[in-house]
Amino acid sequence: MTVLAGARRVIQKLGPYQSLALLLVPLTLVEPLKLVALFVAGTGHWLTGTGMIIGAYAFSLLVVERLFRVVKPKLMTLIWFAKLWTRLVALRDKVNPWSSVPVEGSKTG
């Protein structure tokens, strides 16, 4: 068993509020970092700021998104979270209708 698979099993055994707390840890680190990166870029260090923004978004996509996929079933057991998530997805689909259309695999012929 790899380290990632072991970590996934441990995370899946957490309760819903523990999963929420675990998800909030990287979010509370990466979101303020994005604002700091904008400040750094605004003070004239645009290469450093751009690098920080790219790194923060990469971390957000690679870590937070995967962690959310693991803890989402537990979070959906929370009534208030399930209602909020359903409303947000419905709003997203209303604003951007093509986001809910399934994409077919590439077919030739």
N, C-alpha and C. Protein backbone atom coordinates (compact mmCIF):
# COMPACT_ATOMS: atom_id res chain seq x y z
N MET A 1 0.86 -1.18 0.00
CA MET A 1 0.00 0.00 0.00
C MET A 1 0.90 1.24 0.00
N THR A 2 0.63 2.14 -0.90
CA THR A 2 1.44 3.35 -0.97
C THR A 2 1.04 4.32 0.13
N VAL A 3 1.86 5.33 0.30
CA VAL A 3 1.60 6.33 1.33
C VAL A 3 0.31 7.09 1.03
N LEU A 4 0.09 7.41 -0.24
CA LEU A 4 -1.13 8.15 -0.61
C LEU A 4 -2.38 7.32 -0.37
N ALA A 5 -2.32 6.03 -0.69
CA ALA A 5 -3.49 5.17 -0.45
C ALA A 5 -3.76 5.03 1.04
N GLY A 6 -2.71 4.93 1.84
CA GLY A 6 -2.88 4.86 3.29
C GLY A 6 -3.47 6.14 3.85
N ALA A 7 -3.00 7.27 3.36
CA ALA A 7 -3.53 8.56 3.80
C ALA A 7 -4.99 8.70 3.40
N ARG A 8 -5.31 8.23 2.20
CA ARG A 8 -6.71 8.30 1.73
C ARG A 8 -7.62 7.48 2.64
N ARG A 9 -7.17 6.30 3.04
CA ARG A 9 -7.98 5.45 3.93
C ARG A 9 -8.19 6.11 5.29
N VAL A 10 -7.13 6.73 5.81
CA VAL A 10 -7.25 7.41 7.10
C VAL A 10 -8.22 8.58 6.99
N ILE A 11 -8.12 9.33 5.91
CA ILE A 11 -8.99 10.49 5.70
C ILE A 11 -10.44 10.05 5.55
N GLN A 12 -10.67 8.94 4.85
CA GLN A 12 -12.03 8.46 4.64
C GLN A 12 -12.68 7.97 5.93
N LYS A 13 -11.88 7.63 6.93
CA LYS A 13 -12.43 7.18 8.21
C LYS A 13 -12.82 8.33 9.12
N LEU A 14 -12.46 9.56 8.76
CA LEU A 14 -12.80 10.72 9.58
C LEU A 14 -14.29 11.00 9.53
N GLY A 15 -14.76 11.67 10.54
CA GLY A 15 -16.16 12.10 10.57
C GLY A 15 -16.36 13.33 9.69
N PRO A 16 -17.61 13.76 9.52
CA PRO A 16 -17.87 14.90 8.62
C PRO A 16 -17.25 16.21 9.09
N TYR A 17 -17.32 16.50 10.37
CA TYR A 17 -16.74 17.77 10.85
C TYR A 17 -15.22 17.70 10.88
N GLN A 18 -14.67 16.53 11.13
CA GLN A 18 -13.21 16.38 11.06
C GLN A 18 -12.74 16.55 9.62
N SER A 19 -13.52 16.02 8.68
CA SER A 19 -13.19 16.18 7.26
C SER A 19 -13.24 17.65 6.85
N LEU A 20 -14.24 18.36 7.35
CA LEU A 20 -14.35 19.79 7.06
C LEU A 20 -13.16 20.56 7.61
N ALA A 21 -12.76 20.22 8.84
CA ALA A 21 -11.60 20.88 9.45
C ALA A 21 -10.33 20.56 8.66
N LEU A 22 -10.20 19.32 8.22
CA LEU A 22 -9.02 18.94 7.44
C LEU A 22 -8.98 19.70 6.11
N LEU A 23 -10.12 19.91 5.50
CA LEU A 23 -10.18 20.65 4.25
C LEU A 23 -9.89 22.13 4.46
N LEU A 24 -10.28 22.66 5.59
CA LEU A 24 -10.06 24.09 5.85
C LEU A 24 -8.60 24.43 6.11
N VAL A 25 -7.80 23.46 6.55
CA VAL A 25 -6.38 23.74 6.85
C VAL A 25 -5.64 24.22 5.60
N PRO A 26 -5.63 23.47 4.49
CA PRO A 26 -4.91 24.00 3.32
C PRO A 26 -5.57 25.23 2.71
N LEU A 27 -6.90 25.32 2.83
CA LEU A 27 -7.58 26.50 2.30
C LEU A 27 -7.17 27.76 3.04
N THR A 28 -7.01 27.67 4.35
CA THR A 28 -6.62 28.85 5.12
C THR A 28 -5.17 29.23 4.87
N LEU A 29 -4.41 28.33 4.29
CA LEU A 29 -3.03 28.66 3.94
C LEU A 29 -2.91 29.21 2.53
N VAL A 30 -3.62 28.62 1.58
CA VAL A 30 -3.41 28.97 0.18
C VAL A 30 -4.18 30.23 -0.24
N GLU A 31 -5.36 30.46 0.28
CA GLU A 31 -6.13 31.62 -0.14
C GLU A 31 -5.48 32.94 0.28
N PRO A 32 -5.02 33.09 1.53
CA PRO A 32 -4.32 34.34 1.87
C PRO A 32 -3.00 34.49 1.09
N LEU A 33 -2.38 33.37 0.74
CA LEU A 33 -1.14 33.43 -0.03
C LEU A 33 -1.38 34.06 -1.39
N LYS A 34 -2.54 33.82 -1.96
CA LYS A 34 -2.88 34.44 -3.25
C LYS A 34 -2.97 35.96 -3.11
N LEU A 35 -3.54 36.43 -2.01
CA LEU A 35 -3.61 37.88 -1.78
C LEU A 35 -2.23 38.48 -1.52
N VAL A 36 -1.40 37.77 -0.79
CA VAL A 36 -0.03 38.22 -0.55
C VAL A 36 0.72 38.30 -1.87
N ALA A 37 0.51 37.33 -2.74
CA ALA A 37 1.17 37.33 -4.04
C ALA A 37 0.75 38.55 -4.87
N LEU A 38 -0.52 38.92 -4.80
CA LEU A 38 -0.96 40.13 -5.50
C LEU A 38 -0.29 41.37 -4.94
N PHE A 39 -0.15 41.43 -3.62
CA PHE A 39 0.54 42.55 -2.99
C PHE A 39 2.00 42.61 -3.43
N VAL A 40 2.67 41.46 -3.45
CA VAL A 40 4.08 41.41 -3.87
C VAL A 40 4.20 41.87 -5.32
N ALA A 41 3.31 41.39 -6.18
CA ALA A 41 3.36 41.80 -7.59
C ALA A 41 3.07 43.29 -7.72
N GLY A 42 2.19 43.81 -6.89
CA GLY A 42 1.83 45.23 -6.95
C GLY A 42 2.92 46.16 -6.47
N THR A 43 3.85 45.65 -5.67
CA THR A 43 4.95 46.49 -5.18
C THR A 43 6.13 46.50 -6.13
N GLY A 44 5.97 45.94 -7.32
CA GLY A 44 7.03 45.98 -8.31
C GLY A 44 7.77 44.67 -8.51
N HIS A 45 7.53 43.69 -7.69
CA HIS A 45 8.17 42.38 -7.84
C HIS A 45 7.21 41.45 -8.59
N TRP A 46 6.95 41.79 -9.84
CA TRP A 46 5.91 41.08 -10.57
C TRP A 46 6.30 39.66 -10.92
N LEU A 47 7.58 39.37 -11.12
CA LEU A 47 7.97 37.98 -11.39
C LEU A 47 7.78 37.11 -10.15
N THR A 48 8.19 37.62 -9.01
CA THR A 48 8.01 36.88 -7.77
C THR A 48 6.53 36.70 -7.46
N GLY A 49 5.76 37.75 -7.62
CA GLY A 49 4.32 37.69 -7.38
C GLY A 49 3.63 36.71 -8.31
N THR A 50 4.02 36.74 -9.58
CA THR A 50 3.44 35.82 -10.56
C THR A 50 3.79 34.37 -10.21
N GLY A 51 5.03 34.15 -9.82
CA GLY A 51 5.43 32.80 -9.40
C GLY A 51 4.66 32.32 -8.19
N MET A 52 4.44 33.24 -7.24
CA MET A 52 3.67 32.88 -6.05
C MET A 52 2.22 32.55 -6.41
N ILE A 53 1.64 33.33 -7.30
CA ILE A 53 0.26 33.07 -7.71
C ILE A 53 0.15 31.73 -8.42
N ILE A 54 1.08 31.46 -9.32
CA ILE A 54 1.07 30.17 -10.03
C ILE A 54 1.24 29.02 -9.04
N GLY A 55 2.15 29.18 -8.10
CA GLY A 55 2.35 28.13 -7.09
C GLY A 55 1.13 27.93 -6.22
N ALA A 56 0.48 29.01 -5.82
CA ALA A 56 -0.72 28.91 -4.97
C ALA A 56 -1.86 28.24 -5.72
N TYR A 57 -2.05 28.61 -6.98
CA TYR A 57 -3.11 27.97 -7.75
C TYR A 57 -2.78 26.51 -8.03
N ALA A 58 -1.53 26.19 -8.28
CA ALA A 58 -1.13 24.79 -8.49
C ALA A 58 -1.39 23.97 -7.23
N PHE A 59 -1.01 24.51 -6.06
CA PHE A 59 -1.27 23.82 -4.80
C PHE A 59 -2.77 23.64 -4.60
N SER A 60 -3.52 24.68 -4.92
CA SER A 60 -4.97 24.62 -4.76
C SER A 60 -5.56 23.53 -5.64
N LEU A 61 -5.12 23.47 -6.89
CA LEU A 61 -5.66 22.47 -7.81
C LEU A 61 -5.20 21.06 -7.46
N LEU A 62 -3.94 20.92 -7.10
CA LEU A 62 -3.39 19.58 -6.88
C LEU A 62 -3.72 19.01 -5.52
N VAL A 63 -3.76 19.81 -4.50
CA VAL A 63 -3.96 19.29 -3.14
C VAL A 63 -5.40 19.50 -2.67
N VAL A 64 -5.88 20.73 -2.70
CA VAL A 64 -7.19 21.03 -2.15
C VAL A 64 -8.28 20.33 -2.96
N GLU A 65 -8.17 20.33 -4.26
CA GLU A 65 -9.19 19.71 -5.10
C GLU A 65 -9.24 18.20 -4.87
N ARG A 66 -8.09 17.56 -4.79
CA ARG A 66 -8.07 16.11 -4.53
C ARG A 66 -8.57 15.78 -3.13
N LEU A 67 -8.20 16.59 -2.18
CA LEU A 67 -8.67 16.39 -0.81
C LEU A 67 -10.19 16.56 -0.75
N PHE A 68 -10.72 17.54 -1.47
CA PHE A 68 -12.17 17.74 -1.50
C PHE A 68 -12.88 16.53 -2.08
N ARG A 69 -12.31 15.94 -3.12
CA ARG A 69 -12.93 14.75 -3.72
C ARG A 69 -12.98 13.59 -2.73
N VAL A 70 -11.99 13.49 -1.87
CA VAL A 70 -11.96 12.42 -0.88
C VAL A 70 -12.96 12.67 0.24
N VAL A 71 -13.07 13.91 0.71
CA VAL A 71 -13.93 14.20 1.86
C VAL A 71 -15.36 14.58 1.47
N LYS A 72 -15.64 14.79 0.19
CA LYS A 72 -16.98 15.24 -0.22
C LYS A 72 -18.09 14.28 0.21
N PRO A 73 -17.95 12.96 0.11
CA PRO A 73 -19.04 12.10 0.59
C PRO A 73 -19.36 12.31 2.07
N LYS A 74 -18.36 12.52 2.89
CA LYS A 74 -18.60 12.78 4.31
C LYS A 74 -19.26 14.14 4.51
N LEU A 75 -18.81 15.13 3.74
CA LEU A 75 -19.39 16.46 3.87
C LEU A 75 -20.85 16.49 3.43
N MET A 76 -21.20 15.64 2.47
CA MET A 76 -22.58 15.61 1.98
C MET A 76 -23.53 15.00 3.01
N THR A 77 -23.00 14.37 4.07
CA THR A 77 -23.87 13.87 5.13
C THR A 77 -24.32 15.01 6.06
N LEU A 78 -23.65 16.15 5.98
CA LEU A 78 -24.07 17.32 6.73
C LEU A 78 -25.20 18.00 5.95
N ILE A 79 -26.35 18.13 6.56
CA ILE A 79 -27.53 18.65 5.85
C ILE A 79 -27.27 20.05 5.31
N TRP A 80 -26.70 20.92 6.12
CA TRP A 80 -26.47 22.29 5.68
C TRP A 80 -25.46 22.34 4.54
N PHE A 81 -24.46 21.48 4.56
CA PHE A 81 -23.47 21.47 3.48
C PHE A 81 -24.10 20.93 2.20
N ALA A 82 -24.89 19.87 2.31
CA ALA A 82 -25.53 19.28 1.13
C ALA A 82 -26.46 20.30 0.45
N LYS A 83 -27.23 21.04 1.26
CA LYS A 83 -28.11 22.06 0.69
C LYS A 83 -27.31 23.16 0.01
N LEU A 84 -26.26 23.62 0.69
CA LEU A 84 -25.41 24.67 0.12
C LEU A 84 -24.75 24.21 -1.16
N TRP A 85 -24.23 23.00 -1.18
CA TRP A 85 -23.55 22.46 -2.36
C TRP A 85 -24.54 22.31 -3.52
N THR A 86 -25.74 21.82 -3.23
CA THR A 86 -26.75 21.65 -4.27
C THR A 86 -27.13 23.00 -4.87
N ARG A 87 -27.28 24.01 -4.04
CA ARG A 87 -27.62 25.34 -4.54
C ARG A 87 -26.49 25.95 -5.36
N LEU A 88 -25.26 25.76 -4.91
CA LEU A 88 -24.13 26.29 -5.67
C LEU A 88 -23.98 25.62 -7.03
N VAL A 89 -24.18 24.31 -7.07
CA VAL A 89 -24.10 23.60 -8.35
C VAL A 89 -25.24 24.03 -9.26
N ALA A 90 -26.44 24.20 -8.71
CA ALA A 90 -27.56 24.66 -9.53
C ALA A 90 -27.30 26.07 -10.08
N LEU A 91 -26.74 26.94 -9.24
CA LEU A 91 -26.41 28.29 -9.70
C LEU A 91 -25.34 28.24 -10.79
N ARG A 92 -24.33 27.40 -10.59
CA ARG A 92 -23.28 27.26 -11.60
C ARG A 92 -23.85 26.77 -12.92
N ASP A 93 -24.77 25.79 -12.86
CA ASP A 93 -25.36 25.25 -14.07
C ASP A 93 -26.27 26.27 -14.76
N LYS A 94 -26.90 27.14 -13.98
CA LYS A 94 -27.76 28.17 -14.57
C LYS A 94 -26.91 29.24 -15.26
N VAL A 95 -25.82 29.64 -14.62
CA VAL A 95 -24.96 30.68 -15.17
C VAL A 95 -24.16 30.14 -16.34
N ASN A 96 -23.72 28.91 -16.23
CA ASN A 96 -22.85 28.30 -17.23
C ASN A 96 -23.43 26.94 -17.62
N PRO A 97 -24.45 26.91 -18.51
CA PRO A 97 -25.17 25.67 -18.77
C PRO A 97 -24.32 24.55 -19.35
N TRP A 98 -23.29 24.86 -20.09
CA TRP A 98 -22.49 23.80 -20.70
C TRP A 98 -21.61 23.08 -19.69
N SER A 99 -21.49 23.59 -18.46
CA SER A 99 -20.66 22.92 -17.47
C SER A 99 -21.29 21.63 -16.96
N SER A 100 -22.60 21.46 -17.14
CA SER A 100 -23.26 20.26 -16.66
C SER A 100 -23.47 19.23 -17.76
N VAL A 101 -23.10 19.56 -19.00
CA VAL A 101 -23.28 18.63 -20.12
C VAL A 101 -22.11 17.65 -20.13
N PRO A 102 -22.40 16.34 -20.12
CA PRO A 102 -21.30 15.38 -20.15
C PRO A 102 -20.59 15.42 -21.50
N VAL A 103 -19.29 15.26 -21.45
CA VAL A 103 -18.48 15.30 -22.66
C VAL A 103 -18.25 13.87 -23.14
N GLU A 104 -18.54 13.61 -24.41
CA GLU A 104 -18.33 12.28 -24.95
C GLU A 104 -16.85 12.10 -25.28
N GLY A 105 -16.42 10.86 -25.21
CA GLY A 105 -15.03 10.55 -25.58
C GLY A 105 -14.83 10.79 -27.06
N SER A 106 -13.59 10.94 -27.45
CA SER A 106 -13.31 11.19 -28.87
C SER A 106 -13.59 9.94 -29.67
N LYS A 107 -14.40 10.10 -30.70
CA LYS A 107 -14.76 8.99 -31.58
C LYS A 107 -14.34 9.33 -32.99
N THR A 108 -13.89 8.34 -33.69
CA THR A 108 -13.52 8.57 -35.09
C THR A 108 -14.59 7.96 -35.96
N GLY A 109 -14.84 8.60 -37.08
CA GLY A 109 -15.77 8.04 -38.03
C GLY A 109 -17.06 8.65 -38.06
